[in-house]
Amino acid sequence: MREQLDLRGVKCPLSWAKARVRLDALPRGTEVELRLDDPQAVRDIPRAAEACGHHVVELTRDGAAWRLTIEV
């Protein structure tokens, strides 16, 4: 199962707060693809997710934005 969350235009740390609410509500094994355009979020969210016990699957650049896939 894969969810998507578009956080373009949302600055960190609010983007992490929104992502965490979504991650915490999903069952284990679910992947969430985040769309980000804030450079601070691209740096901070993968570290914060790993610290909370989630697995960062992939981080790729997509034009002016980034796609970050996290497994709950």
Protein backbone atom coordinates (compact mmCIF):
# COMPACT_ATOMS: atom_id res chain seq x y z
CA MET A 1 0.00 0.00 0.00
CA ARG A 2 1.34 3.46 -0.88
CA GLU A 3 0.04 6.81 0.33
CA GLN A 4 0.96 10.25 -0.99
CA LEU A 5 1.32 13.54 0.84
CA ASP A 6 2.06 16.77 -1.03
CA LEU A 7 3.97 19.13 1.25
CA ARG A 8 5.18 21.53 -1.43
CA GLY A 9 4.93 25.07 -0.11
CA VAL A 10 5.00 23.91 3.52
CA LYS A 11 8.13 24.93 5.44
CA CYS A 12 9.91 22.78 8.00
CA PRO A 13 9.17 22.06 10.85
CA LEU A 14 5.47 22.22 9.91
CA SER A 15 6.08 19.81 7.02
CA TRP A 16 7.54 17.24 9.46
CA ALA A 17 4.60 17.73 11.84
CA LYS A 18 2.11 17.04 9.03
CA ALA A 19 4.12 14.05 7.80
CA ARG A 20 4.38 12.58 11.29
CA VAL A 21 0.62 12.79 11.83
CA ARG A 22 0.11 10.81 8.61
CA LEU A 23 2.88 8.29 9.39
CA ASP A 24 1.55 7.65 12.89
CA ALA A 25 -1.96 6.95 11.55
CA LEU A 26 -0.90 4.26 9.07
CA PRO A 27 -0.35 0.53 9.59
CA ARG A 28 3.15 -0.94 9.61
CA GLY A 29 4.51 -1.72 6.16
CA THR A 30 2.74 1.16 4.43
CA GLU A 31 4.85 3.43 2.24
CA VAL A 32 4.25 7.17 2.14
CA GLU A 33 5.58 9.28 -0.70
CA LEU A 34 6.15 12.87 0.37
CA ARG A 35 6.53 15.68 -2.16
CA LEU A 36 8.81 18.38 -0.75
CA ASP A 37 10.27 21.64 -2.01
CA ASP A 38 11.78 23.07 1.19
CA PRO A 39 15.55 22.33 1.35
CA GLN A 40 15.46 22.18 5.16
CA ALA A 41 12.68 19.56 5.05
CA VAL A 42 14.69 17.49 2.56
CA ARG A 43 17.57 17.44 5.07
CA ASP A 44 15.60 17.10 8.30
CA ILE A 45 12.62 14.83 7.57
CA PRO A 46 14.63 11.71 6.63
CA ARG A 47 16.65 11.98 9.87
CA ALA A 48 13.55 12.61 11.97
CA ALA A 49 11.69 9.70 10.36
CA GLU A 50 14.59 7.30 11.01
CA ALA A 51 14.80 8.53 14.62
CA CYS A 52 11.10 7.64 15.03
CA GLY A 53 11.66 4.10 13.79
CA HIS A 54 10.57 4.52 10.17
CA HIS A 55 12.63 3.44 7.16
CA VAL A 56 13.62 5.90 4.42
CA VAL A 57 13.22 3.96 1.19
CA GLU A 58 14.17 6.59 -1.38
CA LEU A 59 14.93 10.28 -1.83
CA THR A 60 15.00 11.58 -5.39
CA ARG A 61 14.92 14.97 -7.04
CA ASP A 62 11.90 15.64 -9.25
CA GLY A 63 12.41 18.95 -11.03
CA ALA A 64 12.08 21.74 -8.46
CA ALA A 65 10.75 19.31 -5.83
CA TRP A 66 11.87 16.11 -4.10
CA ARG A 67 10.14 12.75 -3.64
CA LEU A 68 10.82 11.11 -0.30
CA THR A 69 9.45 7.61 0.26
CA ILE A 70 9.18 6.43 3.86
CA GLU A 71 8.04 3.01 5.06
CA VAL A 72 6.07 3.08 8.30
